[in-house]
Amino acid sequence: SGQVGAIWDGYPFERYVYMVHATSGARGATEHLNSTIIQRPRFSYRE
């Protein structure tokens, strides 16, 4: 989140929410105006 200045010189938000679903099977992600939802299988983070 601290690398914004590498491309842009301003922000379209004051607050941003990273939402994560650690699930069984579902995977993918969707961008939103001031947040995102990211879905990954629950045991796919350690490696």
All heavy atoms as atom14 arrays in JSON, in Angstrom:
{
  "sequence": "SGQVGAIWDGYPFERYVYMVHATSGARGATEHLNSTIIQRPRFSYRE",
  "atom14_mask": [
    [1, 1, 1, 1, 1, 1, 0, 0, 0, 0, 0, 0, 0, 0],
    [1, 1, 1, 1, 0, 0, 0, 0, 0, 0, 0, 0, 0, 0],
    [1, 1, 1, 1, 1, 1, 1, 1, 1, 0, 0, 0, 0, 0],
    [1, 1, 1, 1, 1, 1, 1, 0, 0, 0, 0, 0, 0, 0],
    [1, 1, 1, 1, 0, 0, 0, 0, 0, 0, 0, 0, 0, 0],
    [1, 1, 1, 1, 1, 0, 0, 0, 0, 0, 0, 0, 0, 0],
    [1, 1, 1, 1, 1, 1, 1, 1, 0, 0, 0, 0, 0, 0],
    [1, 1, 1, 1, 1, 1, 1, 1, 1, 1, 1, 1, 1, 1],
    [1, 1, 1, 1, 1, 1, 1, 1, 0, 0, 0, 0, 0, 0],
    [1, 1, 1, 1, 0, 0, 0, 0, 0, 0, 0, 0, 0, 0],
    [1, 1, 1, 1, 1, 1, 1, 1, 1, 1, 1, 1, 0, 0],
    [1, 1, 1, 1, 1, 1, 1, 0, 0, 0, 0, 0, 0, 0],
    [1, 1, 1, 1, 1, 1, 1, 1, 1, 1, 1, 0, 0, 0],
    [1, 1, 1, 1, 1, 1, 1, 1, 1, 0, 0, 0, 0, 0],
    [1, 1, 1, 1, 1, 1, 1, 1, 1, 1, 1, 0, 0, 0],
    [1, 1, 1, 1, 1, 1, 1, 1, 1, 1, 1, 1, 0, 0],
    [1, 1, 1, 1, 1, 1, 1, 0, 0, 0, 0, 0, 0, 0],
    [1, 1, 1, 1, 1, 1, 1, 1, 1, 1, 1, 1, 0, 0],
    [1, 1, 1, 1, 1, 1, 1, 1, 0, 0, 0, 0, 0, 0],
    [1, 1, 1, 1, 1, 1, 1, 0, 0, 0, 0, 0, 0, 0],
    [1, 1, 1, 1, 1, 1, 1, 1, 1, 1, 0, 0, 0, 0],
    [1, 1, 1, 1, 1, 0, 0, 0, 0, 0, 0, 0, 0, 0],
    [1, 1, 1, 1, 1, 1, 1, 0, 0, 0, 0, 0, 0, 0],
    [1, 1, 1, 1, 1, 1, 0, 0, 0, 0, 0, 0, 0, 0],
    [1, 1, 1, 1, 0, 0, 0, 0, 0, 0, 0, 0, 0, 0],
    [1, 1, 1, 1, 1, 0, 0, 0, 0, 0, 0, 0, 0, 0],
    [1, 1, 1, 1, 1, 1, 1, 1, 1, 1, 1, 0, 0, 0],
    [1, 1, 1, 1, 0, 0, 0, 0, 0, 0, 0, 0, 0, 0],
    [1, 1, 1, 1, 1, 0, 0, 0, 0, 0, 0, 0, 0, 0],
    [1, 1, 1, 1, 1, 1, 1, 0, 0, 0, 0, 0, 0, 0],
    [1, 1, 1, 1, 1, 1, 1, 1, 1, 0, 0, 0, 0, 0],
    [1, 1, 1, 1, 1, 1, 1, 1, 1, 1, 0, 0, 0, 0],
    [1, 1, 1, 1, 1, 1, 1, 1, 0, 0, 0, 0, 0, 0],
    [1, 1, 1, 1, 1, 1, 1, 1, 0, 0, 0, 0, 0, 0],
    [1, 1, 1, 1, 1, 1, 0, 0, 0, 0, 0, 0, 0, 0],
    [1, 1, 1, 1, 1, 1, 1, 0, 0, 0, 0, 0, 0, 0],
    [1, 1, 1, 1, 1, 1, 1, 1, 0, 0, 0, 0, 0, 0],
    [1, 1, 1, 1, 1, 1, 1, 1, 0, 0, 0, 0, 0, 0],
    [1, 1, 1, 1, 1, 1, 1, 1, 1, 0, 0, 0, 0, 0],
    [1, 1, 1, 1, 1, 1, 1, 1, 1, 1, 1, 0, 0, 0],
    [1, 1, 1, 1, 1, 1, 1, 0, 0, 0, 0, 0, 0, 0],
    [1, 1, 1, 1, 1, 1, 1, 1, 1, 1, 1, 0, 0, 0],
    [1, 1, 1, 1, 1, 1, 1, 1, 1, 1, 1, 0, 0, 0],
    [1, 1, 1, 1, 1, 1, 0, 0, 0, 0, 0, 0, 0, 0],
    [1, 1, 1, 1, 1, 1, 1, 1, 1, 1, 1, 1, 0, 0],
    [1, 1, 1, 1, 1, 1, 1, 1, 1, 1, 1, 0, 0, 0],
    [1, 1, 1, 1, 1, 1, 1, 1, 1, 0, 0, 0, 0, 0]
  ],
  "atom14_positions": [
    [[0.82, -1.21, 0.0], [0.0, 0.0, 0.0], [0.86, 1.26, 0.0], [0.37, 2.34, -0.38], [-0.93, 0.0, 1.22], [-1.75, -1.17, 1.24], [0.0, 0.0, 0.0], [0.0, 0.0, 0.0], [0.0, 0.0, 0.0], [0.0, 0.0, 0.0], [0.0, 0.0, 0.0], [0.0, 0.0, 0.0], [0.0, 0.0, 0.0], [0.0, 0.0, 0.0]],
    [[2.12, 1.13, 0.39], [3.01, 2.28, 0.39], [3.66, 2.57, -0.95], [4.44, 3.52, -1.06], [0.0, 0.0, 0.0], [0.0, 0.0, 0.0], [0.0, 0.0, 0.0], [0.0, 0.0, 0.0], [0.0, 0.0, 0.0], [0.0, 0.0, 0.0], [0.0, 0.0, 0.0], [0.0, 0.0, 0.0], [0.0, 0.0, 0.0], [0.0, 0.0, 0.0]],
    [[3.35, 1.78, -1.98], [3.98, 1.94, -3.29], [3.13, 2.73, -4.29], [3.44, 2.76, -5.48], [4.31, 0.57, -3.88], [5.45, -0.13, -3.17], [6.74, 0.66, -3.27], [7.11, 1.14, -4.34], [7.43, 0.82, -2.15], [0.0, 0.0, 0.0], [0.0, 0.0, 0.0], [0.0, 0.0, 0.0], [0.0, 0.0, 0.0], [0.0, 0.0, 0.0]],
    [[2.08, 3.35, -3.81], [1.17, 4.07, -4.71], [1.9, 5.1, -5.56], [1.65, 5.25, -6.76], [0.05, 4.74, -3.88], [-0.75, 5.71, -4.73], [-0.86, 3.68, -3.27], [0.0, 0.0, 0.0], [0.0, 0.0, 0.0], [0.0, 0.0, 0.0], [0.0, 0.0, 0.0], [0.0, 0.0, 0.0], [0.0, 0.0, 0.0], [0.0, 0.0, 0.0]],
    [[2.85, 5.82, -4.95], [3.54, 6.89, -5.65], [4.37, 6.43, -6.84], [4.79, 7.27, -7.65], [0.0, 0.0, 0.0], [0.0, 0.0, 0.0], [0.0, 0.0, 0.0], [0.0, 0.0, 0.0], [0.0, 0.0, 0.0], [0.0, 0.0, 0.0], [0.0, 0.0, 0.0], [0.0, 0.0, 0.0], [0.0, 0.0, 0.0], [0.0, 0.0, 0.0]],
    [[4.6, 5.13, -6.96], [5.34, 4.63, -8.13], [4.55, 4.83, -9.42], [5.14, 4.87, -10.51], [5.68, 3.16, -7.94], [0.0, 0.0, 0.0], [0.0, 0.0, 0.0], [0.0, 0.0, 0.0], [0.0, 0.0, 0.0], [0.0, 0.0, 0.0], [0.0, 0.0, 0.0], [0.0, 0.0, 0.0], [0.0, 0.0, 0.0], [0.0, 0.0, 0.0]],
    [[3.24, 4.94, -9.31], [2.4, 5.12, -10.49], [1.57, 6.4, -10.42], [1.57, 7.2, -11.35], [1.46, 3.9, -10.69], [2.26, 2.61, -10.77], [0.62, 4.08, -11.96], [1.42, 1.35, -10.9], [0.0, 0.0, 0.0], [0.0, 0.0, 0.0], [0.0, 0.0, 0.0], [0.0, 0.0, 0.0], [0.0, 0.0, 0.0], [0.0, 0.0, 0.0]],
    [[0.87, 6.6, -9.3], [-0.08, 7.72, -9.21], [0.41, 8.75, -8.19], [1.24, 8.44, -7.35], [-1.46, 7.21, -8.81], [-1.96, 6.12, -9.7], [-2.53, 6.26, -10.94], [-1.93, 4.71, -9.44], [-2.85, 5.04, -11.46], [-2.49, 4.07, -10.57], [-1.48, 3.94, -8.37], [-2.62, 2.68, -10.63], [-1.6, 2.56, -8.44], [-2.18, 1.94, -9.56]],
    [[-0.13, 9.95, -8.27], [0.25, 10.99, -7.32], [-0.92, 11.42, -6.45], [-1.01, 12.57, -6.03], [0.85, 12.2, -8.06], [-0.04, 12.71, -9.18], [-1.21, 12.27, -9.25], [0.43, 13.53, -9.99], [0.0, 0.0, 0.0], [0.0, 0.0, 0.0], [0.0, 0.0, 0.0], [0.0, 0.0, 0.0], [0.0, 0.0, 0.0], [0.0, 0.0, 0.0]],
    [[-1.83, 10.5, -6.2], [-2.95, 10.8, -5.32], [-3.75, 9.56, -5.02], [-3.53, 8.48, -5.6], [0.0, 0.0, 0.0], [0.0, 0.0, 0.0], [0.0, 0.0, 0.0], [0.0, 0.0, 0.0], [0.0, 0.0, 0.0], [0.0, 0.0, 0.0], [0.0, 0.0, 0.0], [0.0, 0.0, 0.0], [0.0, 0.0, 0.0], [0.0, 0.0, 0.0]],
    [[-4.69, 9.7, -4.1], [-5.53, 8.58, -3.66], [-7.0, 8.88, -3.95], [-7.46, 10.01, -3.74], [-5.39, 8.35, -2.16], [-4.09, 7.74, -1.72], [-2.97, 8.54, -1.48], [-3.98, 6.38, -1.5], [-1.78, 7.99, -1.05], [-2.79, 5.81, -1.07], [-1.69, 6.62, -0.85], [-0.52, 6.07, -0.42], [0.0, 0.0, 0.0], [0.0, 0.0, 0.0]],
    [[-7.76, 7.87, -4.36], [-9.2, 8.05, -4.51], [-9.97, 7.66, -3.25], [-11.19, 7.58, -3.27], [-9.54, 7.1, -5.67], [-8.56, 5.99, -5.53], [-7.3, 6.6, -4.97], [0.0, 0.0, 0.0], [0.0, 0.0, 0.0], [0.0, 0.0, 0.0], [0.0, 0.0, 0.0], [0.0, 0.0, 0.0], [0.0, 0.0, 0.0], [0.0, 0.0, 0.0]],
    [[-9.27, 7.39, -2.14], [-9.92, 6.96, -0.91], [-9.15, 7.48, 0.3], [-7.97, 7.82, 0.21], [-10.02, 5.43, -0.84], [-8.67, 4.73, -0.87], [-7.92, 4.57, 0.3], [-8.15, 4.25, -2.06], [-6.68, 3.95, 0.28], [-6.89, 3.64, -2.09], [-6.16, 3.49, -0.91], [0.0, 0.0, 0.0], [0.0, 0.0, 0.0], [0.0, 0.0, 0.0]],
    [[-9.85, 7.52, 1.44], [-9.22, 7.81, 2.72], [-8.99, 6.53, 3.51], [-8.06, 6.44, 4.31], [-10.08, 8.78, 3.53], [-10.23, 10.16, 2.93], [-8.92, 10.92, 2.89], [-8.09, 10.7, 3.81], [-8.72, 11.73, 1.97], [0.0, 0.0, 0.0], [0.0, 0.0, 0.0], [0.0, 0.0, 0.0], [0.0, 0.0, 0.0], [0.0, 0.0, 0.0]],
    [[-9.86, 5.55, 3.3], [-9.8, 4.28, 4.03], [-10.07, 3.15, 3.06], [-10.91, 3.26, 2.17], [-10.85, 4.27, 5.15], [-10.83, 3.02, 6.02], [-11.85, 3.16, 7.17], [-13.2, 3.28, 6.67], [-14.02, 2.24, 6.46], [-13.59, 1.01, 6.73], [-15.24, 2.42, 6.01], [0.0, 0.0, 0.0], [0.0, 0.0, 0.0], [0.0, 0.0, 0.0]],
    [[-9.33, 2.05, 3.23], [-9.44, 0.91, 2.32], [-9.51, -0.37, 3.14], [-8.8, -0.53, 4.14], [-8.22, 0.87, 1.4], [-8.31, -0.15, 0.28], [-8.89, 0.17, -0.93], [-7.79, -1.43, 0.46], [-8.97, -0.75, -1.96], [-7.86, -2.37, -0.56], [-8.45, -2.02, -1.77], [-8.53, -2.94, -2.78], [0.0, 0.0, 0.0], [0.0, 0.0, 0.0]],
    [[-10.38, -1.31, 2.7], [-10.58, -2.55, 3.43], [-10.2, -3.73, 2.55], [-10.77, -3.93, 1.48], [-12.05, -2.7, 3.9], [-12.2, -3.98, 4.73], [-12.5, -1.48, 4.69], [0.0, 0.0, 0.0], [0.0, 0.0, 0.0], [0.0, 0.0, 0.0], [0.0, 0.0, 0.0], [0.0, 0.0, 0.0], [0.0, 0.0, 0.0], [0.0, 0.0, 0.0]],
    [[-9.22, -4.53, 3.02], [-8.89, -5.81, 2.4], [-9.75, -6.88, 3.08], [-9.58, -7.16, 4.27], [-7.42, -6.17, 2.6], [-6.43, -5.33, 1.84], [-5.78, -4.25, 2.45], [-6.1, -5.63, 0.52], [-4.84, -3.5, 1.76], [-5.17, -4.88, -0.18], [-4.53, -3.81, 0.44], [-3.6, -3.06, -0.25], [0.0, 0.0, 0.0], [0.0, 0.0, 0.0]],
    [[-10.71, -7.46, 2.34], [-11.52, -8.55, 2.87], [-11.01, -9.86, 2.29], [-10.76, -9.97, 1.09], [-12.99, -8.37, 2.47], [-13.63, -7.08, 2.97], [-15.33, -6.94, 2.37], [-15.74, -5.29, 2.96], [0.0, 0.0, 0.0], [0.0, 0.0, 0.0], [0.0, 0.0, 0.0], [0.0, 0.0, 0.0], [0.0, 0.0, 0.0], [0.0, 0.0, 0.0]],
    [[-10.84, -10.86, 3.15], [-10.31, -12.15, 2.72], [-11.23, -13.25, 3.21], [-11.64, -13.26, 4.38], [-8.89, -12.36, 3.27], [-8.35, -13.74, 2.85], [-7.94, -11.26, 2.77], [0.0, 0.0, 0.0], [0.0, 0.0, 0.0], [0.0, 0.0, 0.0], [0.0, 0.0, 0.0], [0.0, 0.0, 0.0], [0.0, 0.0, 0.0], [0.0, 0.0, 0.0]],
    [[-11.55, -14.18, 2.32], [-12.29, -15.39, 2.68], [-11.33, -16.57, 2.6], [-10.85, -16.91, 1.51], [-13.47, -15.63, 1.74], [-14.58, -14.66, 1.92], [-15.6, -14.51, 0.99], [-14.86, -13.79, 2.92], [-16.45, -13.59, 1.42], [-16.02, -13.13, 2.58], [0.0, 0.0, 0.0], [0.0, 0.0, 0.0], [0.0, 0.0, 0.0], [0.0, 0.0, 0.0]],
    [[-11.02, -17.18, 3.73], [-10.25, -18.43, 3.75], [-11.27, -19.56, 3.75], [-11.93, -19.81, 4.75], [-9.37, -18.49, 5.0], [0.0, 0.0, 0.0], [0.0, 0.0, 0.0], [0.0, 0.0, 0.0], [0.0, 0.0, 0.0], [0.0, 0.0, 0.0], [0.0, 0.0, 0.0], [0.0, 0.0, 0.0], [0.0, 0.0, 0.0], [0.0, 0.0, 0.0]],
    [[-11.43, -20.22, 2.62], [-12.57, -21.11, 2.4], [-12.11, -22.51, 1.99], [-10.92, -22.8, 1.94], [-13.48, -20.54, 1.3], [-12.82, -20.7, 0.02], [-13.76, -19.07, 1.51], [0.0, 0.0, 0.0], [0.0, 0.0, 0.0], [0.0, 0.0, 0.0], [0.0, 0.0, 0.0], [0.0, 0.0, 0.0], [0.0, 0.0, 0.0], [0.0, 0.0, 0.0]],
    [[-13.06, -23.31, 1.66], [-12.79, -24.64, 1.1], [-13.26, -24.66, -0.34], [-14.44, -24.86, -0.61], [-13.5, -25.73, 1.92], [-13.0, -25.77, 3.23], [0.0, 0.0, 0.0], [0.0, 0.0, 0.0], [0.0, 0.0, 0.0], [0.0, 0.0, 0.0], [0.0, 0.0, 0.0], [0.0, 0.0, 0.0], [0.0, 0.0, 0.0], [0.0, 0.0, 0.0]],
    [[-12.37, -24.38, -1.26], [-12.71, -24.5, -2.67], [-12.8, -23.2, -3.43], [-12.19, -23.06, -4.48], [0.0, 0.0, 0.0], [0.0, 0.0, 0.0], [0.0, 0.0, 0.0], [0.0, 0.0, 0.0], [0.0, 0.0, 0.0], [0.0, 0.0, 0.0], [0.0, 0.0, 0.0], [0.0, 0.0, 0.0], [0.0, 0.0, 0.0], [0.0, 0.0, 0.0]],
    [[-13.57, -22.24, -2.94], [-13.76, -21.0, -3.69], [-12.46, -20.22, -3.78], [-11.68, -20.14, -2.82], [-14.83, -20.14, -3.01], [0.0, 0.0, 0.0], [0.0, 0.0, 0.0], [0.0, 0.0, 0.0], [0.0, 0.0, 0.0], [0.0, 0.0, 0.0], [0.0, 0.0, 0.0], [0.0, 0.0, 0.0], [0.0, 0.0, 0.0], [0.0, 0.0, 0.0]],
    [[-12.21, -19.66, -4.94], [-11.02, -18.83, -5.12], [-11.3, -17.78, -6.18], [-12.11, -17.97, -7.08], [-9.81, -19.67, -5.48], [-9.91, -20.47, -6.75], [-8.72, -21.39, -6.9], [-7.47, -20.64, -6.86], [-6.33, -21.17, -6.4], [-6.29, -22.4, -5.96], [-5.22, -20.44, -6.41], [0.0, 0.0, 0.0], [0.0, 0.0, 0.0], [0.0, 0.0, 0.0]],
    [[-10.63, -16.65, -6.04], [-10.83, -15.54, -6.95], [-10.84, -14.24, -6.16], [-10.6, -14.21, -4.96], [0.0, 0.0, 0.0], [0.0, 0.0, 0.0], [0.0, 0.0, 0.0], [0.0, 0.0, 0.0], [0.0, 0.0, 0.0], [0.0, 0.0, 0.0], [0.0, 0.0, 0.0], [0.0, 0.0, 0.0], [0.0, 0.0, 0.0], [0.0, 0.0, 0.0]],
    [[-11.12, -13.15, -6.83], [-11.13, -11.85, -6.17], [-11.9, -10.86, -7.01], [-12.04, -11.03, -8.22], [-9.7, -11.35, -5.92], [0.0, 0.0, 0.0], [0.0, 0.0, 0.0], [0.0, 0.0, 0.0], [0.0, 0.0, 0.0], [0.0, 0.0, 0.0], [0.0, 0.0, 0.0], [0.0, 0.0, 0.0], [0.0, 0.0, 0.0], [0.0, 0.0, 0.0]],
    [[-12.37, -9.82, -6.36], [-13.1, -8.75, -7.06], [-12.71, -7.41, -6.46], [-12.69, -7.25, -5.24], [-14.62, -8.94, -6.92], [-14.99, -10.2, -7.49], [-15.36, -7.83, -7.66], [0.0, 0.0, 0.0], [0.0, 0.0, 0.0], [0.0, 0.0, 0.0], [0.0, 0.0, 0.0], [0.0, 0.0, 0.0], [0.0, 0.0, 0.0], [0.0, 0.0, 0.0]],
    [[-12.42, -6.47, -7.34], [-12.08, -5.12, -6.91], [-13.35, -4.32, -6.62], [-14.4, -4.56, -7.22], [-11.27, -4.41, -8.0], [-12.06, -4.02, -9.25], [-12.21, -5.15, -10.26], [-11.78, -6.29, -9.95], [-12.76, -4.9, -11.35], [0.0, 0.0, 0.0], [0.0, 0.0, 0.0], [0.0, 0.0, 0.0], [0.0, 0.0, 0.0], [0.0, 0.0, 0.0]],
    [[-13.22, -3.36, -5.71], [-14.32, -2.46, -5.41], [-13.8, -1.05, -5.2], [-12.59, -0.8, -5.22], [-15.12, -2.97, -4.21], [-15.94, -4.18, -4.53], [-17.08, -4.12, -5.29], [-15.76, -5.49, -4.24], [-17.59, -5.33, -5.43], [-16.8, -6.18, -4.81], [0.0, 0.0, 0.0], [0.0, 0.0, 0.0], [0.0, 0.0, 0.0], [0.0, 0.0, 0.0]],
    [[-14.71, -0.14, -4.97], [-14.39, 1.28, -4.92], [-13.37, 1.62, -3.85], [-12.46, 2.42, -4.06], [-15.69, 2.07, -4.67], [-15.66, 3.56, -4.89], [-15.4, 3.88, -6.35], [-17.01, 4.17, -4.46], [0.0, 0.0, 0.0], [0.0, 0.0, 0.0], [0.0, 0.0, 0.0], [0.0, 0.0, 0.0], [0.0, 0.0, 0.0], [0.0, 0.0, 0.0]],
    [[-13.51, 1.01, -2.69], [-12.63, 1.32, -1.57], [-12.3, 0.06, -0.77], [-12.02, 0.14, 0.43], [-13.29, 2.36, -0.65], [-14.79, 2.08, -0.49], [-15.21, 0.92, -0.57], [-15.58, 3.1, -0.27], [0.0, 0.0, 0.0], [0.0, 0.0, 0.0], [0.0, 0.0, 0.0], [0.0, 0.0, 0.0], [0.0, 0.0, 0.0], [0.0, 0.0, 0.0]],
    [[-12.38, -1.08, -1.43], [-12.14, -2.37, -0.77], [-11.96, -3.44, -1.83], [-12.14, -3.19, -3.02], [-13.32, -2.74, 0.13], [-14.52, -2.84, -0.61], [0.0, 0.0, 0.0], [0.0, 0.0, 0.0], [0.0, 0.0, 0.0], [0.0, 0.0, 0.0], [0.0, 0.0, 0.0], [0.0, 0.0, 0.0], [0.0, 0.0, 0.0], [0.0, 0.0, 0.0]],
    [[-11.59, -4.62, -1.38], [-11.55, -5.77, -2.27], [-11.97, -7.0, -1.49], [-11.87, -7.03, -0.26], [-10.14, -6.0, -2.85], [-10.16, -7.1, -3.76], [-9.13, -6.31, -1.75], [0.0, 0.0, 0.0], [0.0, 0.0, 0.0], [0.0, 0.0, 0.0], [0.0, 0.0, 0.0], [0.0, 0.0, 0.0], [0.0, 0.0, 0.0], [0.0, 0.0, 0.0]],
    [[-12.46, -8.0, -2.19], [-12.74, -9.3, -1.6], [-11.86, -10.32, -2.29], [-11.85, -10.41, -3.53], [-14.24, -9.67, -1.69], [-14.47, -11.1, -1.19], [-14.78, -9.48, -3.1], [-14.13, -11.3, 0.26], [0.0, 0.0, 0.0], [0.0, 0.0, 0.0], [0.0, 0.0, 0.0], [0.0, 0.0, 0.0], [0.0, 0.0, 0.0], [0.0, 0.0, 0.0]],
    [[-11.08, -11.07, -1.49], [-10.14, -12.07, -2.01], [-10.51, -13.42, -1.41], [-10.67, -13.52, -0.19], [-8.69, -11.72, -1.65], [-8.32, -10.34, -2.21], [-7.72, -12.78, -2.16], [-7.0, -9.8, -1.69], [0.0, 0.0, 0.0], [0.0, 0.0, 0.0], [0.0, 0.0, 0.0], [0.0, 0.0, 0.0], [0.0, 0.0, 0.0], [0.0, 0.0, 0.0]],
    [[-10.64, -14.44, -2.23], [-10.99, -15.77, -1.76], [-9.89, -16.75, -2.12], [-9.46, -16.81, -3.28], [-12.32, -16.22, -2.37], [-13.49, -15.37, -1.94], [-14.8, -15.75, -2.63], [-14.79, -16.24, -3.75], [-15.91, -15.51, -1.97], [0.0, 0.0, 0.0], [0.0, 0.0, 0.0], [0.0, 0.0, 0.0], [0.0, 0.0, 0.0], [0.0, 0.0, 0.0]],
    [[-9.43, -17.5, -1.12], [-8.4, -18.51, -1.32], [-8.74, -19.74, -0.48], [-9.31, -19.62, 0.61], [-7.03, -17.99, -0.85], [-6.55, -16.73, -1.54], [-5.97, -17.01, -2.87], [-4.73, -17.78, -2.79], [-4.01, -18.14, -3.83], [-4.4, -17.81, -5.05], [-2.89, -18.83, -3.68], [0.0, 0.0, 0.0], [0.0, 0.0, 0.0], [0.0, 0.0, 0.0]],
    [[-8.4, -20.94, -0.95], [-8.56, -22.13, -0.1], [-7.83, -21.92, 1.23], [-6.73, -21.36, 1.27], [-7.92, -23.24, -0.93], [-8.09, -22.77, -2.34], [-7.92, -21.29, -2.29], [0.0, 0.0, 0.0], [0.0, 0.0, 0.0], [0.0, 0.0, 0.0], [0.0, 0.0, 0.0], [0.0, 0.0, 0.0], [0.0, 0.0, 0.0], [0.0, 0.0, 0.0]],
    [[-8.44, -22.38, 2.31], [-7.97, -22.02, 3.65], [-6.55, -22.49, 3.96], [-5.86, -21.89, 4.79], [-8.96, -22.53, 4.69], [-9.07, -24.03, 4.81], [-10.05, -24.43, 5.93], [-11.45, -24.24, 5.55], [-12.23, -23.27, 6.01], [-11.73, -22.39, 6.87], [-13.48, -23.17, 5.62], [0.0, 0.0, 0.0], [0.0, 0.0, 0.0], [0.0, 0.0, 0.0]],
    [[-6.08, -23.54, 3.3], [-4.74, -24.03, 3.58], [-3.78, -23.73, 2.42], [-2.89, -24.53, 2.11], [-4.78, -25.53, 3.88], [-5.59, -25.86, 5.11], [-6.72, -26.66, 5.01], [-5.24, -25.35, 6.36], [-7.49, -26.95, 6.14], [-6.0, -25.63, 7.48], [-7.12, -26.43, 7.38], [0.0, 0.0, 0.0], [0.0, 0.0, 0.0], [0.0, 0.0, 0.0]],
    [[-3.95, -22.58, 1.81], [-3.1, -22.21, 0.67], [-2.36, -20.9, 0.94], [-2.3, -20.02, 0.09], [-3.93, -22.09, -0.61], [-4.89, -21.04, -0.47], [0.0, 0.0, 0.0], [0.0, 0.0, 0.0], [0.0, 0.0, 0.0], [0.0, 0.0, 0.0], [0.0, 0.0, 0.0], [0.0, 0.0, 0.0], [0.0, 0.0, 0.0], [0.0, 0.0, 0.0]],
    [[-1.77, -20.81, 2.13], [-1.05, -19.59, 2.51], [0.38, -19.87, 3.0], [1.25, -19.02, 2.89], [-1.79, -18.84, 3.63], [-3.14, -18.32, 3.22], [-4.27, -19.12, 3.3], [-3.3, -17.01, 2.77], [-5.52, -18.63, 2.93], [-4.54, -16.51, 2.4], [-5.64, -17.34, 2.48], [-6.88, -16.86, 2.11], [0.0, 0.0, 0.0], [0.0, 0.0, 0.0]],
    [[0.64, -21.05, 3.55], [1.92, -21.29, 4.2], [3.08, -21.43, 3.21], [4.12, -20.79, 3.37], [1.85, -22.53, 5.09], [3.16, -22.77, 5.87], [3.1, -24.01, 6.75], [2.86, -25.22, 5.97], [1.77, -25.97, 6.09], [0.83, -25.63, 6.94], [1.63, -27.05, 5.34], [0.0, 0.0, 0.0], [0.0, 0.0, 0.0], [0.0, 0.0, 0.0]],
    [[2.9, -22.27, 2.2], [3.97, -22.48, 1.22], [4.2, -21.2, 0.42], [3.26, -20.49, 0.08], [3.64, -23.63, 0.29], [3.44, -24.96, 0.99], [4.65, -25.4, 1.78], [5.79, -25.11, 1.33], [4.47, -26.03, 2.84], [0.0, 0.0, 0.0], [0.0, 0.0, 0.0], [0.0, 0.0, 0.0], [0.0, 0.0, 0.0], [0.0, 0.0, 0.0]]
  ]
}
